[in-house]
Every structure is written in structure tokens, then in C-alpha cells.
Amino acid sequence: MRYAEIGKTGIKISRLCVGGMSFGAPSQDFHLWTLEQGDTTRMIAHALEVGVNFIDTANCYSKGTSEQYIGRALRELGVPREQVVIASKVYFNEGNLSRAAILREIDGTLHRLGTDYLDIYYIHRFDYTTPIEETMETLHSLVMAGKVRALGASAMYGYQFHNLQMVAEKNGWTPFSAMQNHYNLLYREDERELIPVCAQYGVSLIPYSPLAGGHLTHREWDSGTPRSTTDRNLHSKYDPTREADMRIVERVAELAEKRGEPMSAVALAWLFARGVAAPIVGATHAAHFDDALRALDIQLSDEEISILEEYYTPHAIMGARPPRQTH
């Protein structure tokens, strides 16, 4: 396993992150394809065995049961707290990113995970209803209280992230060190503004959906898996650009076949070539995670990168929330 540092925090993370959205009690109003406790524990045990020390979740994943399952898995496996890097998020809850909401939600998250602190605490989206000063000061207070070691943000416009960092800088508050953005070969819109802003501030990229919900792992668009047949969010995110994106999928398949590697490994290797610190892999089978691990040993040439990127076309913004969606 290879490791990287989150920003300038001194926190060392494995170059792959376990995605906690795959864990938790299945439900009709969230996801039906998530893993129950036993399988969650086995997946985390396998990840730890191969050197992965980084686990990402959120207070809203499977209505909080993702955090519960992860916490229980780590206790059952007897993992010392200092040997794992745990990240969670706040926003999709009552009050969004208000001071009262953040203070309430961090305690709930810590209780469900069974830990005294988080290594990284992300704001899950930008909050149009709360002054950014209130949000950043409250997050800073969590760092000062020892409940959080470092801060991260997720899925927003570049100017929003820049403004948040400037407010932290101006007031001497803790800035963000990690960005969990939507980034993969099928969706590269953040290359325009958000990723350059992250580079300006030395912020590590920890992208979600690095394999486009599985579309970059097989030649066919629809795989017939429980997720591909039941995940409405996945369909709304990628189906509108299916025709154009299938050309990219085919390029990944061709290069993977030529190299004798899984498609997922090639797709993740492209992210590493683009400077990503640790993509979040939401595997539900150990074999899928093992395929992802192979990306660490793949060095793509400039020509191969050009081949993979050639057919990309601009996409509508997916992830960052425009003001009209908050009312």
C-alpha cells in the first residue's frame, strides 16, 4: 500500500479509501444494495489486511447505520483507534451547517462510530442559508475541542470553496485540507475551477464516485447488479449522457484489455495521474476492492491519458447545489 498526507495536516492516509455508503441497513428511501453488519465487518477487515487505513462515511448514509456498522466493525476487529483514519460529514440534516446543527450532529456521529474524535470532518455541501462565518467558526471550535483533527469540504462551486477558505484565513480559523468532489473520467467539470482552487490552497483531492457508480468497471452500461437496478440517484446522475460517455467506457475497456488489467484499475490510475490523493472506493465485494488496488501499480503514459480523455464532452453540474435547490 502507498500512503499520502492530507494537505499539511500530518495525517497519513492510504491511497485508497473505503467508501461507507456501501454499508448500513438497506431501505427503500436510501439504498437497497448496502451491506448488513456481517458483510460490512468482513469488507473492512479485508481492506485493513491489504493496508488500507482510510474509511469515509456520513451522518446521512443509511440513516446513520453506516456510521454504526463501521464503528461496530472496528470494535469487533479490535482495531486501535490511532491506526485508522475516519472521516464523516454534516449537511443533510436539520439546520444544515448552522452552529446548532453542527454541534448536534458531530456528537451524534461520534456516538454512532464509538469514538472520541474524527480525523476529517467534511461539510457535505455548501449551505446557502447559514453565514459562512458561522459555519467556519463552529468547525474551528470542534478542532480546538479535540473532536475533529482536520476539516474537509465536498461538492461545491470553486468560488464557494475559495470564499470559505478566505474567511478561515482572515479570522485565524482552521481551513479545509481535503476536498471530496465528484470526479472521474465521465465527469471532469471540477477541472475548470474547483480543482485549481484546491491546488492553490494545497488541499488534497479525495473524490467520490471515482468509478462513476460502476460504469467504468465493465463494458456494458447496465450491469444487472442490485445497485444498477435500484439506485435512482445513479441513473439520474449518469444516464442523460450515456451515449457520449459510452465512448469513454470503451476506451477504458480497450486499454484495460491491452494492459491485462481490470477496467477499474485503469480508471483509478487515471485519477492518480491527475493528482488525486485517495479515491473513495465503494466496493461491496472483496474482489472489487482487490481490482482497485491494482491501480497503485499502473503508470499511465501521456499517450494513454490522452486516449482516455479524448472523447470527454462538457456535462451539466452534478454535485454542487445551485441556490434554487435550497428553498
C-alpha atoms as a PDB file:
ATOM      1  CA  MET A   1       0.000   0.000   0.000  1.00  0.00           C
ATOM      2  CA  ARG A   2       1.101   3.553  -0.676  1.00  0.00           C
ATOM      3  CA  TYR A   3       0.233   6.488   1.551  1.00  0.00           C
ATOM      4  CA  ALA A   4      -0.233  10.244   1.261  1.00  0.00           C
ATOM      5  CA  GLU A   5      -0.699  13.209   3.583  1.00  0.00           C
ATOM      6  CA  ILE A   6      -3.953  15.134   3.869  1.00  0.00           C
ATOM      7  CA  GLY A   7      -2.964  18.685   2.971  1.00  0.00           C
ATOM      8  CA  LYS A   8      -0.379  19.772   5.519  1.00  0.00           C
ATOM      9  CA  THR A   9      -2.091  18.132   8.492  1.00  0.00           C
ATOM     10  CA  GLY A  10       0.365  15.307   9.087  1.00  0.00           C
ATOM     11  CA  ILE A  11      -2.499  12.814   8.765  1.00  0.00           C
ATOM     12  CA  LYS A  12      -1.314   9.855   6.689  1.00  0.00           C
ATOM     13  CA  ILE A  13      -3.901   8.108   4.560  1.00  0.00           C
ATOM     14  CA  SER A  14      -3.775   5.076   2.289  1.00  0.00           C
ATOM     15  CA  ARG A  15      -4.052   5.955  -1.409  1.00  0.00           C
ATOM     16  CA  LEU A  16      -7.427   4.190  -1.480  1.00  0.00           C
ATOM     17  CA  CYS A  17     -10.349   4.974   0.822  1.00  0.00           C
ATOM     18  CA  VAL A  18     -13.141   2.614   1.895  1.00  0.00           C
ATOM     19  CA  GLY A  19     -16.490   4.138   0.928  1.00  0.00           C
ATOM     20  CA  GLY A  20     -19.020   3.915   3.750  1.00  0.00           C
ATOM     21  CA  MET A  21     -22.044   4.496   1.528  1.00  0.00           C
ATOM     22  CA  SER A  22     -21.853   0.761   0.801  1.00  0.00           C
ATOM     23  CA  PHE A  23     -22.571  -0.040   4.455  1.00  0.00           C
ATOM     24  CA  GLY A  24     -25.743   0.175   6.512  1.00  0.00           C
ATOM     25  CA  ALA A  25     -29.278  -1.115   6.780  1.00  0.00           C
ATOM     26  CA  PRO A  26     -30.902  -1.273   3.298  1.00  0.00           C
ATOM     27  CA  SER A  27     -34.022   0.856   2.896  1.00  0.00           C
ATOM     28  CA  GLN A  28     -36.417   1.992   0.189  1.00  0.00           C
ATOM     29  CA  ASP A  29     -35.775   5.685   0.834  1.00  0.00           C
ATOM     30  CA  PHE A  30     -31.970   5.466   0.764  1.00  0.00           C
ATOM     31  CA  HIS A  31     -30.295   2.436  -0.854  1.00  0.00           C
ATOM     32  CA  LEU A  32     -31.376  -1.190  -1.162  1.00  0.00           C
ATOM     33  CA  TRP A  33     -27.937  -2.505  -2.098  1.00  0.00           C
ATOM     34  CA  THR A  34     -25.967  -1.692   1.065  1.00  0.00           C
ATOM     35  CA  LEU A  35     -24.190  -4.321   3.194  1.00  0.00           C
ATOM     36  CA  GLU A  36     -25.506  -5.524   6.534  1.00  0.00           C
ATOM     37  CA  GLN A  37     -23.262  -5.658   9.602  1.00  0.00           C
ATOM     38  CA  GLY A  38     -21.571  -9.003   8.959  1.00  0.00           C
ATOM     39  CA  ASP A  39     -20.571  -8.176   5.400  1.00  0.00           C
ATOM     40  CA  THR A  40     -19.541  -4.668   6.452  1.00  0.00           C
ATOM     41  CA  THR A  41     -17.170  -6.101   9.042  1.00  0.00           C
ATOM     42  CA  ARG A  42     -15.711  -8.537   6.511  1.00  0.00           C
ATOM     43  CA  MET A  43     -15.151  -5.779   3.929  1.00  0.00           C
ATOM     44  CA  ILE A  44     -13.418  -3.532   6.457  1.00  0.00           C
ATOM     45  CA  ALA A  45     -11.306  -6.448   7.707  1.00  0.00           C
ATOM     46  CA  HIS A  46     -10.188  -7.182   4.143  1.00  0.00           C
ATOM     47  CA  ALA A  47      -9.334  -3.538   3.486  1.00  0.00           C
ATOM     48  CA  LEU A  48      -7.270  -3.344   6.668  1.00  0.00           C
ATOM     49  CA  GLU A  49      -5.431  -6.539   5.742  1.00  0.00           C
ATOM     50  CA  VAL A  50      -4.175  -5.017   2.487  1.00  0.00           C
ATOM     51  CA  GLY A  51      -3.013  -1.820   4.193  1.00  0.00           C
ATOM     52  CA  VAL A  52      -5.988   0.499   3.764  1.00  0.00           C
ATOM     53  CA  ASN A  53      -6.377   2.719   6.827  1.00  0.00           C
ATOM     54  CA  PHE A  54      -8.875   5.287   5.499  1.00  0.00           C
ATOM     55  CA  ILE A  55     -12.674   4.964   5.911  1.00  0.00           C
ATOM     56  CA  ASP A  56     -15.222   7.546   4.776  1.00  0.00           C
ATOM     57  CA  THR A  57     -18.870   7.796   5.807  1.00  0.00           C
ATOM     58  CA  ALA A  58     -21.564  10.405   6.545  1.00  0.00           C
ATOM     59  CA  ASN A  59     -24.255  11.051   9.113  1.00  0.00           C
ATOM     60  CA  CYS A  60     -26.932  10.546   6.450  1.00  0.00           C
ATOM     61  CA  TYR A  61     -25.679   7.291   4.912  1.00  0.00           C
ATOM     62  CA  SER A  62     -28.302   4.612   5.521  1.00  0.00           C
ATOM     63  CA  LYS A  63     -29.866   6.905   8.110  1.00  0.00           C
ATOM     64  CA  GLY A  64     -26.839   6.776  10.362  1.00  0.00           C
ATOM     65  CA  THR A  65     -26.456   2.998  10.323  1.00  0.00           C
ATOM     66  CA  SER A  66     -23.356   3.262   8.109  1.00  0.00           C
ATOM     67  CA  GLU A  67     -21.566   5.005  10.974  1.00  0.00           C
ATOM     68  CA  GLN A  68     -22.942   2.462  13.436  1.00  0.00           C
ATOM     69  CA  TYR A  69     -21.805  -0.521  11.347  1.00  0.00           C
ATOM     70  CA  ILE A  70     -18.325   0.929  10.800  1.00  0.00           C
ATOM     71  CA  GLY A  71     -17.870   1.664  14.490  1.00  0.00           C
ATOM     72  CA  ARG A  72     -19.017  -1.808  15.475  1.00  0.00           C
ATOM     73  CA  ALA A  73     -16.786  -3.424  12.832  1.00  0.00           C
ATOM     74  CA  LEU A  74     -13.699  -1.639  14.136  1.00  0.00           C
ATOM     75  CA  ARG A  75     -14.512  -2.660  17.713  1.00  0.00           C
ATOM     76  CA  GLU A  76     -15.167  -6.281  16.748  1.00  0.00           C
ATOM     77  CA  LEU A  77     -11.897  -6.399  14.831  1.00  0.00           C
ATOM     78  CA  GLY A  78     -10.024  -4.875  17.760  1.00  0.00           C
ATOM     79  CA  VAL A  79      -8.516  -2.088  15.671  1.00  0.00           C
ATOM     80  CA  PRO A  80      -6.661   0.534  17.747  1.00  0.00           C
ATOM     81  CA  ARG A  81      -8.267   3.912  17.068  1.00  0.00           C
ATOM     82  CA  GLU A  82      -4.987   5.580  16.101  1.00  0.00           C
ATOM     83  CA  GLN A  83      -4.422   3.035  13.309  1.00  0.00           C
ATOM     84  CA  VAL A  84      -7.411   4.173  11.229  1.00  0.00           C
ATOM     85  CA  VAL A  85      -8.355   7.486   9.657  1.00  0.00           C
ATOM     86  CA  ILE A  86     -12.114   8.029   9.938  1.00  0.00           C
ATOM     87  CA  ALA A  87     -13.982  10.737   8.036  1.00  0.00           C
ATOM     88  CA  SER A  88     -17.633  11.701   8.197  1.00  0.00           C
ATOM     89  CA  LYS A  89     -19.849  14.556   7.036  1.00  0.00           C
ATOM     90  CA  VAL A  90     -22.519  17.046   8.033  1.00  0.00           C
ATOM     91  CA  TYR A  91     -25.151  18.938   5.996  1.00  0.00           C
ATOM     92  CA  PHE A  92     -28.068  16.650   5.030  1.00  0.00           C
ATOM     93  CA  ASN A  93     -29.703  17.135   8.417  1.00  0.00           C
ATOM     94  CA  GLU A  94     -31.965  19.605  10.170  1.00  0.00           C
ATOM     95  CA  GLY A  95     -30.303  23.013  10.203  1.00  0.00           C
ATOM     96  CA  ASN A  96     -27.712  22.101   7.554  1.00  0.00           C
ATOM     97  CA  LEU A  97     -24.486  23.869   8.583  1.00  0.00           C
ATOM     98  CA  SER A  98     -25.779  26.156  11.324  1.00  0.00           C
ATOM     99  CA  ARG A  99     -23.858  26.226  14.588  1.00  0.00           C
ATOM    100  CA  ALA A 100     -26.597  24.354  16.433  1.00  0.00           C
ATOM    101  CA  ALA A 101     -26.784  21.699  13.719  1.00  0.00           C
ATOM    102  CA  ILE A 102     -23.027  21.090  13.543  1.00  0.00           C
ATOM    103  CA  LEU A 103     -22.678  20.827  17.324  1.00  0.00           C
ATOM    104  CA  ARG A 104     -25.608  18.411  17.470  1.00  0.00           C
ATOM    105  CA  GLU A 105     -24.538  16.290  14.513  1.00  0.00           C
ATOM    106  CA  ILE A 106     -20.880  15.854  15.490  1.00  0.00           C
ATOM    107  CA  ASP A 107     -21.933  14.358  18.820  1.00  0.00           C
ATOM    108  CA  GLY A 108     -24.344  12.000  17.068  1.00  0.00           C
ATOM    109  CA  THR A 109     -21.671  10.923  14.608  1.00  0.00           C
ATOM    110  CA  LEU A 110     -19.083  10.298  17.330  1.00  0.00           C
ATOM    111  CA  HIS A 111     -21.625   8.292  19.355  1.00  0.00           C
ATOM    112  CA  ARG A 112     -22.601   6.103  16.396  1.00  0.00           C
ATOM    113  CA  LEU A 113     -18.966   5.475  15.464  1.00  0.00           C
ATOM    114  CA  GLY A 114     -17.989   4.845  19.082  1.00  0.00           C
ATOM    115  CA  THR A 115     -15.042   7.240  19.001  1.00  0.00           C
ATOM    116  CA  ASP A 116     -13.980  10.433  20.741  1.00  0.00           C
ATOM    117  CA  TYR A 117     -12.840  12.198  17.581  1.00  0.00           C
ATOM    118  CA  LEU A 118     -12.922  12.267  13.778  1.00  0.00           C
ATOM    119  CA  ASP A 119      -9.791  12.569  11.711  1.00  0.00           C
ATOM    120  CA  ILE A 120     -11.603  14.505   8.974  1.00  0.00           C
ATOM    121  CA  TYR A 121     -14.991  16.242   9.197  1.00  0.00           C
ATOM    122  CA  TYR A 122     -16.472  17.323   5.873  1.00  0.00           C
ATOM    123  CA  ILE A 123     -19.240  19.756   5.110  1.00  0.00           C
ATOM    124  CA  HIS A 124     -21.272  17.651   2.684  1.00  0.00           C
ATOM    125  CA  ARG A 125     -22.471  20.608   0.599  1.00  0.00           C
ATOM    126  CA  PHE A 126     -22.420  24.420   0.621  1.00  0.00           C
ATOM    127  CA  ASP A 127     -25.139  25.929   2.823  1.00  0.00           C
ATOM    128  CA  TYR A 128     -26.875  28.950   1.303  1.00  0.00           C
ATOM    129  CA  THR A 129     -28.943  29.513   4.453  1.00  0.00           C
ATOM    130  CA  THR A 130     -26.152  29.919   7.028  1.00  0.00           C
ATOM    131  CA  PRO A 131     -23.491  32.658   7.063  1.00  0.00           C
ATOM    132  CA  ILE A 132     -20.156  31.108   6.160  1.00  0.00           C
ATOM    133  CA  GLU A 133     -18.575  32.809   9.179  1.00  0.00           C
ATOM    134  CA  GLU A 134     -20.922  30.896  11.474  1.00  0.00           C
ATOM    135  CA  THR A 135     -20.077  27.599   9.815  1.00  0.00           C
ATOM    136  CA  MET A 136     -16.321  28.082   9.750  1.00  0.00           C
ATOM    137  CA  GLU A 137     -16.102  29.372  13.332  1.00  0.00           C
ATOM    138  CA  THR A 138     -18.126  26.398  14.569  1.00  0.00           C
ATOM    139  CA  LEU A 139     -15.970  23.917  12.666  1.00  0.00           C
ATOM    140  CA  HIS A 140     -12.878  25.578  14.089  1.00  0.00           C
ATOM    141  CA  SER A 141     -14.289  25.169  17.593  1.00  0.00           C
ATOM    142  CA  LEU A 142     -14.547  21.414  17.016  1.00  0.00           C
ATOM    143  CA  VAL A 143     -10.859  21.288  16.113  1.00  0.00           C
ATOM    144  CA  MET A 144      -9.956  23.319  19.202  1.00  0.00           C
ATOM    145  CA  ALA A 145     -12.089  20.983  21.350  1.00  0.00           C
ATOM    146  CA  GLY A 146     -10.288  17.915  20.014  1.00  0.00           C
ATOM    147  CA  LYS A 147     -13.392  16.414  18.428  1.00  0.00           C
ATOM    148  CA  VAL A 148     -12.002  16.836  14.899  1.00  0.00           C
ATOM    149  CA  ARG A 149      -8.414  16.743  13.647  1.00  0.00           C
ATOM    150  CA  ALA A 150      -8.892  18.248  10.166  1.00  0.00           C
ATOM    151  CA  LEU A 151     -11.637  19.730   8.011  1.00  0.00           C
ATOM    152  CA  GLY A 152     -12.868  18.935   4.527  1.00  0.00           C
ATOM    153  CA  ALA A 153     -15.495  20.143   2.077  1.00  0.00           C
ATOM    154  CA  SER A 154     -17.468  18.381  -0.629  1.00  0.00           C
ATOM    155  CA  ALA A 155     -19.199  19.072  -3.942  1.00  0.00           C
ATOM    156  CA  MET A 156     -19.470  22.843  -4.348  1.00  0.00           C
ATOM    157  CA  TYR A 157     -18.548  25.601  -6.786  1.00  0.00           C
ATOM    158  CA  GLY A 158     -14.986  26.854  -6.885  1.00  0.00           C
ATOM    159  CA  TYR A 159     -15.895  30.386  -5.781  1.00  0.00           C
ATOM    160  CA  GLN A 160     -17.749  28.996  -2.754  1.00  0.00           C
ATOM    161  CA  PHE A 161     -14.766  26.963  -1.632  1.00  0.00           C
ATOM    162  CA  HIS A 162     -12.471  29.943  -2.183  1.00  0.00           C
ATOM    163  CA  ASN A 163     -14.716  32.169  -0.072  1.00  0.00           C
ATOM    164  CA  LEU A 164     -14.806  29.628   2.756  1.00  0.00           C
ATOM    165  CA  GLN A 165     -11.026  29.350   2.775  1.00  0.00           C
ATOM    166  CA  MET A 166     -10.631  33.129   2.750  1.00  0.00           C
ATOM    167  CA  VAL A 167     -12.948  33.534   5.741  1.00  0.00           C
ATOM    168  CA  ALA A 168     -10.978  30.927   7.680  1.00  0.00           C
ATOM    169  CA  GLU A 169      -7.704  32.610   6.751  1.00  0.00           C
ATOM    170  CA  LYS A 170      -8.953  36.090   7.647  1.00  0.00           C
ATOM    171  CA  ASN A 171     -10.156  35.035  11.099  1.00  0.00           C
ATOM    172  CA  GLY A 172      -7.400  32.604  12.022  1.00  0.00           C
ATOM    173  CA  TRP A 173      -9.755  29.623  11.888  1.00  0.00           C
ATOM    174  CA  THR A 174      -8.922  26.128  10.688  1.00  0.00           C
ATOM    175  CA  PRO A 175      -9.039  25.936   6.869  1.00  0.00           C
ATOM    176  CA  PHE A 176     -10.116  22.955   4.810  1.00  0.00           C
ATOM    177  CA  SER A 177      -7.406  20.417   3.990  1.00  0.00           C
ATOM    178  CA  ALA A 178      -9.450  17.928   1.921  1.00  0.00           C
ATOM    179  CA  MET A 179     -11.952  18.158  -0.926  1.00  0.00           C
ATOM    180  CA  GLN A 180     -14.337  15.290  -1.582  1.00  0.00           C
ATOM    181  CA  ASN A 181     -15.578  16.179  -5.042  1.00  0.00           C
ATOM    182  CA  HIS A 182     -17.308  14.351  -7.873  1.00  0.00           C
ATOM    183  CA  TYR A 183     -14.500  13.376 -10.228  1.00  0.00           C
ATOM    184  CA  ASN A 184     -13.932  10.570 -12.721  1.00  0.00           C
ATOM    185  CA  LEU A 185     -13.318  10.004 -16.437  1.00  0.00           C
ATOM    186  CA  LEU A 186     -17.010  10.583 -17.170  1.00  0.00           C
ATOM    187  CA  TYR A 187     -17.330  13.749 -15.076  1.00  0.00           C
ATOM    188  CA  ARG A 188     -14.500  16.285 -15.116  1.00  0.00           C
ATOM    189  CA  GLU A 189     -16.254  19.629 -14.675  1.00  0.00           C
ATOM    190  CA  ASP A 190     -14.324  20.447 -11.489  1.00  0.00           C
ATOM    191  CA  GLU A 191     -11.142  20.732 -13.547  1.00  0.00           C
ATOM    192  CA  ARG A 192     -12.382  24.186 -14.620  1.00  0.00           C
ATOM    193  CA  GLU A 193     -12.398  25.956 -11.229  1.00  0.00           C
ATOM    194  CA  LEU A 194     -12.719  23.843  -8.084  1.00  0.00           C
ATOM    195  CA  ILE A 195      -9.614  21.693  -8.571  1.00  0.00           C
ATOM    196  CA  PRO A 196      -7.380  24.710  -9.370  1.00  0.00           C
ATOM    197  CA  VAL A 197      -8.638  26.401  -6.181  1.00  0.00           C
ATOM    198  CA  CYS A 198      -7.783  23.242  -4.231  1.00  0.00           C
ATOM    199  CA  ALA A 199      -4.293  23.298  -5.727  1.00  0.00           C
ATOM    200  CA  GLN A 200      -3.934  26.960  -4.742  1.00  0.00           C
ATOM    201  CA  TYR A 201      -4.590  26.089  -1.106  1.00  0.00           C
ATOM    202  CA  GLY A 202      -2.715  22.770  -1.027  1.00  0.00           C
ATOM    203  CA  VAL A 203      -5.936  20.834  -0.476  1.00  0.00           C
ATOM    204  CA  SER A 204      -5.924  17.072  -1.080  1.00  0.00           C
ATOM    205  CA  LEU A 205      -8.434  15.600  -3.522  1.00  0.00           C
ATOM    206  CA  ILE A 206     -10.482  12.677  -2.167  1.00  0.00           C
ATOM    207  CA  PRO A 207     -13.051  12.161  -4.955  1.00  0.00           C
ATOM    208  CA  TYR A 208     -16.296  10.264  -4.618  1.00  0.00           C
ATOM    209  CA  SER A 209     -17.755   8.185  -7.467  1.00  0.00           C
ATOM    210  CA  PRO A 210     -14.261   7.609  -8.944  1.00  0.00           C
ATOM    211  CA  LEU A 211     -15.672   4.733 -10.991  1.00  0.00           C
ATOM    212  CA  ALA A 212     -18.869   6.560 -11.979  1.00  0.00           C
ATOM    213  CA  GLY A 213     -21.077   4.275  -9.933  1.00  0.00           C
ATOM    214  CA  GLY A 214     -19.642   1.202 -11.620  1.00  0.00           C
ATOM    215  CA  HIS A 215     -19.927   2.411 -15.210  1.00  0.00           C
ATOM    216  CA  LEU A 216     -16.137   2.427 -15.531  1.00  0.00           C
ATOM    217  CA  THR A 217     -15.801  -1.171 -14.341  1.00  0.00           C
ATOM    218  CA  HIS A 218     -17.464  -3.055 -17.214  1.00  0.00           C
ATOM    219  CA  ARG A 219     -18.104  -2.617 -20.936  1.00  0.00           C
ATOM    220  CA  GLU A 220     -21.906  -2.690 -20.634  1.00  0.00           C
ATOM    221  CA  TRP A 221     -23.695   0.373 -19.275  1.00  0.00           C
ATOM    222  CA  ASP A 222     -26.147  -1.675 -17.197  1.00  0.00           C
ATOM    223  CA  SER A 223     -24.582  -4.496 -15.204  1.00  0.00           C
ATOM    224  CA  GLY A 224     -27.684  -6.025 -13.612  1.00  0.00           C
ATOM    225  CA  THR A 225     -26.293  -5.607 -10.080  1.00  0.00           C
ATOM    226  CA  PRO A 226     -28.634  -4.643  -7.225  1.00  0.00           C
ATOM    227  CA  ARG A 227     -27.195  -1.133  -7.302  1.00  0.00           C
ATOM    228  CA  SER A 228     -27.528  -0.630 -11.052  1.00  0.00           C
ATOM    229  CA  THR A 229     -31.159  -1.763 -10.981  1.00  0.00           C
ATOM    230  CA  THR A 230     -32.342   0.070  -7.831  1.00  0.00           C
ATOM    231  CA  ASP A 231     -30.202   3.195  -7.376  1.00  0.00           C
ATOM    232  CA  ARG A 232     -32.314   6.061  -8.753  1.00  0.00           C
ATOM    233  CA  ASN A 233     -29.631   8.634  -7.968  1.00  0.00           C
ATOM    234  CA  LEU A 234     -27.109   6.699 -10.029  1.00  0.00           C
ATOM    235  CA  HIS A 235     -29.414   6.683 -13.049  1.00  0.00           C
ATOM    236  CA  SER A 236     -30.227  10.392 -12.803  1.00  0.00           C
ATOM    237  CA  LYS A 237     -26.525  11.216 -12.456  1.00  0.00           C
ATOM    238  CA  TYR A 238     -25.182   9.360 -15.481  1.00  0.00           C
ATOM    239  CA  ASP A 239     -27.940   8.144 -17.805  1.00  0.00           C
ATOM    240  CA  PRO A 240     -28.544  11.533 -19.501  1.00  0.00           C
ATOM    241  CA  THR A 241     -25.041  11.435 -21.052  1.00  0.00           C
ATOM    242  CA  ARG A 242     -24.939   7.693 -21.667  1.00  0.00           C
ATOM    243  CA  GLU A 243     -24.406   7.846 -25.420  1.00  0.00           C
ATOM    244  CA  ALA A 244     -21.406  10.184 -25.222  1.00  0.00           C
ATOM    245  CA  ASP A 245     -19.911   8.526 -22.153  1.00  0.00           C
ATOM    246  CA  MET A 246     -20.032   5.019 -23.607  1.00  0.00           C
ATOM    247  CA  ARG A 247     -17.220   6.034 -25.964  1.00  0.00           C
ATOM    248  CA  ILE A 248     -15.048   6.743 -22.915  1.00  0.00           C
ATOM    249  CA  VAL A 249     -16.086   3.484 -21.274  1.00  0.00           C
ATOM    250  CA  GLU A 250     -14.996   1.655 -24.414  1.00  0.00           C
ATOM    251  CA  ARG A 251     -11.617   3.406 -24.345  1.00  0.00           C
ATOM    252  CA  VAL A 252     -11.115   2.264 -20.745  1.00  0.00           C
ATOM    253  CA  ALA A 253     -12.099  -1.276 -21.715  1.00  0.00           C
ATOM    254  CA  GLU A 254      -9.675  -1.325 -24.640  1.00  0.00           C
ATOM    255  CA  LEU A 255      -6.754  -0.050 -22.586  1.00  0.00           C
ATOM    256  CA  ALA A 256      -7.543  -2.435 -19.735  1.00  0.00           C
ATOM    257  CA  GLU A 257      -7.600  -5.355 -22.156  1.00  0.00           C
ATOM    258  CA  LYS A 258      -4.334  -4.256 -23.724  1.00  0.00           C
ATOM    259  CA  ARG A 259      -2.635  -3.980 -20.324  1.00  0.00           C
ATOM    260  CA  GLY A 260      -4.253  -7.101 -18.866  1.00  0.00           C
ATOM    261  CA  GLU A 261      -5.757  -5.113 -16.008  1.00  0.00           C
ATOM    262  CA  PRO A 262      -9.296  -4.614 -14.635  1.00  0.00           C
ATOM    263  CA  MET A 263     -11.131  -1.594 -16.040  1.00  0.00           C
ATOM    264  CA  SER A 264     -11.496  -0.186 -12.547  1.00  0.00           C
ATOM    265  CA  ALA A 265      -7.730  -0.177 -12.076  1.00  0.00           C
ATOM    266  CA  VAL A 266      -7.208   1.763 -15.296  1.00  0.00           C
ATOM    267  CA  ALA A 267      -9.899   4.306 -14.381  1.00  0.00           C
ATOM    268  CA  LEU A 268      -8.384   4.839 -10.927  1.00  0.00           C
ATOM    269  CA  ALA A 269      -4.855   5.045 -12.359  1.00  0.00           C
ATOM    270  CA  TRP A 270      -6.072   7.982 -14.464  1.00  0.00           C
ATOM    271  CA  LEU A 271      -7.172   9.753 -11.252  1.00  0.00           C
ATOM    272  CA  PHE A 272      -3.757   9.174  -9.701  1.00  0.00           C
ATOM    273  CA  ALA A 273      -2.180  10.632 -12.831  1.00  0.00           C
ATOM    274  CA  ARG A 274      -4.361  13.704 -12.297  1.00  0.00           C
ATOM    275  CA  GLY A 275      -3.051  14.262  -8.775  1.00  0.00           C
ATOM    276  CA  VAL A 276      -5.773  12.661  -6.690  1.00  0.00           C
ATOM    277  CA  ALA A 277      -4.658  11.669  -3.177  1.00  0.00           C
ATOM    278  CA  ALA A 278      -7.124   8.864  -2.449  1.00  0.00           C
ATOM    279  CA  PRO A 279     -10.289   7.994  -4.409  1.00  0.00           C
ATOM    280  CA  ILE A 280     -13.191   6.629  -2.377  1.00  0.00           C
ATOM    281  CA  VAL A 281     -13.978   3.082  -3.494  1.00  0.00           C
ATOM    282  CA  GLY A 282     -17.467   1.897  -2.603  1.00  0.00           C
ATOM    283  CA  ALA A 283     -16.921  -1.823  -3.081  1.00  0.00           C
ATOM    284  CA  THR A 284     -19.438  -4.425  -1.905  1.00  0.00           C
ATOM    285  CA  HIS A 285     -17.183  -7.401  -2.712  1.00  0.00           C
ATOM    286  CA  ALA A 286     -13.571  -8.005  -1.653  1.00  0.00           C
ATOM    287  CA  ALA A 287     -12.646  -8.918  -5.236  1.00  0.00           C
ATOM    288  CA  HIS A 288     -13.775  -5.486  -6.440  1.00  0.00           C
ATOM    289  CA  PHE A 289     -11.552  -3.839  -3.870  1.00  0.00           C
ATOM    290  CA  ASP A 290      -8.632  -6.008  -4.938  1.00  0.00           C
ATOM    291  CA  ASP A 291      -9.166  -4.870  -8.534  1.00  0.00           C
ATOM    292  CA  ALA A 292      -8.971  -1.256  -7.360  1.00  0.00           C
ATOM    293  CA  LEU A 293      -5.710  -1.939  -5.547  1.00  0.00           C
ATOM    294  CA  ARG A 294      -4.037  -2.804  -8.848  1.00  0.00           C
ATOM    295  CA  ALA A 295      -4.299   0.863  -9.848  1.00  0.00           C
ATOM    296  CA  LEU A 296      -1.467   1.660  -7.457  1.00  0.00           C
ATOM    297  CA  ASP A 297       0.975  -0.186  -9.706  1.00  0.00           C
ATOM    298  CA  ILE A 298      -0.190   1.311 -13.008  1.00  0.00           C
ATOM    299  CA  GLN A 299       1.714   4.231 -14.506  1.00  0.00           C
ATOM    300  CA  LEU A 300      -0.179   5.614 -17.491  1.00  0.00           C
ATOM    301  CA  SER A 301       1.766   7.205 -20.316  1.00  0.00           C
ATOM    302  CA  ASP A 302       0.873  10.639 -21.670  1.00  0.00           C
ATOM    303  CA  GLU A 303      -0.451   8.929 -24.799  1.00  0.00           C
ATOM    304  CA  GLU A 304      -2.683   6.609 -22.767  1.00  0.00           C
ATOM    305  CA  ILE A 305      -4.036   9.535 -20.766  1.00  0.00           C
ATOM    306  CA  SER A 306      -4.844  11.384 -23.997  1.00  0.00           C
ATOM    307  CA  ILE A 307      -6.636   8.339 -25.364  1.00  0.00           C
ATOM    308  CA  LEU A 308      -8.784   8.057 -22.235  1.00  0.00           C
ATOM    309  CA  GLU A 309      -9.642  11.765 -22.256  1.00  0.00           C
ATOM    310  CA  GLU A 310     -10.211  12.302 -25.981  1.00  0.00           C
ATOM    311  CA  TYR A 311     -13.991  11.879 -26.095  1.00  0.00           C
ATOM    312  CA  TYR A 312     -14.892  13.887 -23.000  1.00  0.00           C
ATOM    313  CA  THR A 313     -17.685  16.419 -23.541  1.00  0.00           C
ATOM    314  CA  PRO A 314     -18.946  19.080 -21.099  1.00  0.00           C
ATOM    315  CA  HIS A 315     -21.577  17.885 -18.634  1.00  0.00           C
ATOM    316  CA  ALA A 316     -24.216  19.606 -16.562  1.00  0.00           C
ATOM    317  CA  ILE A 317     -23.048  20.266 -12.999  1.00  0.00           C
ATOM    318  CA  MET A 318     -23.717  17.298 -10.724  1.00  0.00           C
ATOM    319  CA  GLY A 319     -22.990  17.566  -7.024  1.00  0.00           C
ATOM    320  CA  ALA A 320     -22.764  21.282  -6.290  1.00  0.00           C
ATOM    321  CA  ARG A 321     -26.181  22.601  -5.311  1.00  0.00           C
ATOM    322  CA  PRO A 322     -27.469  25.760  -7.030  1.00  0.00           C
ATOM    323  CA  PRO A 323     -29.431  28.227  -4.859  1.00  0.00           C
ATOM    324  CA  ARG A 324     -32.800  27.228  -6.300  1.00  0.00           C
ATOM    325  CA  GLN A 325     -32.462  23.734  -4.787  1.00  0.00           C
ATOM    326  CA  THR A 326     -32.255  25.010  -1.232  1.00  0.00           C
ATOM    327  CA  HIS A 327     -35.745  26.518  -0.968  1.00  0.00           C
END
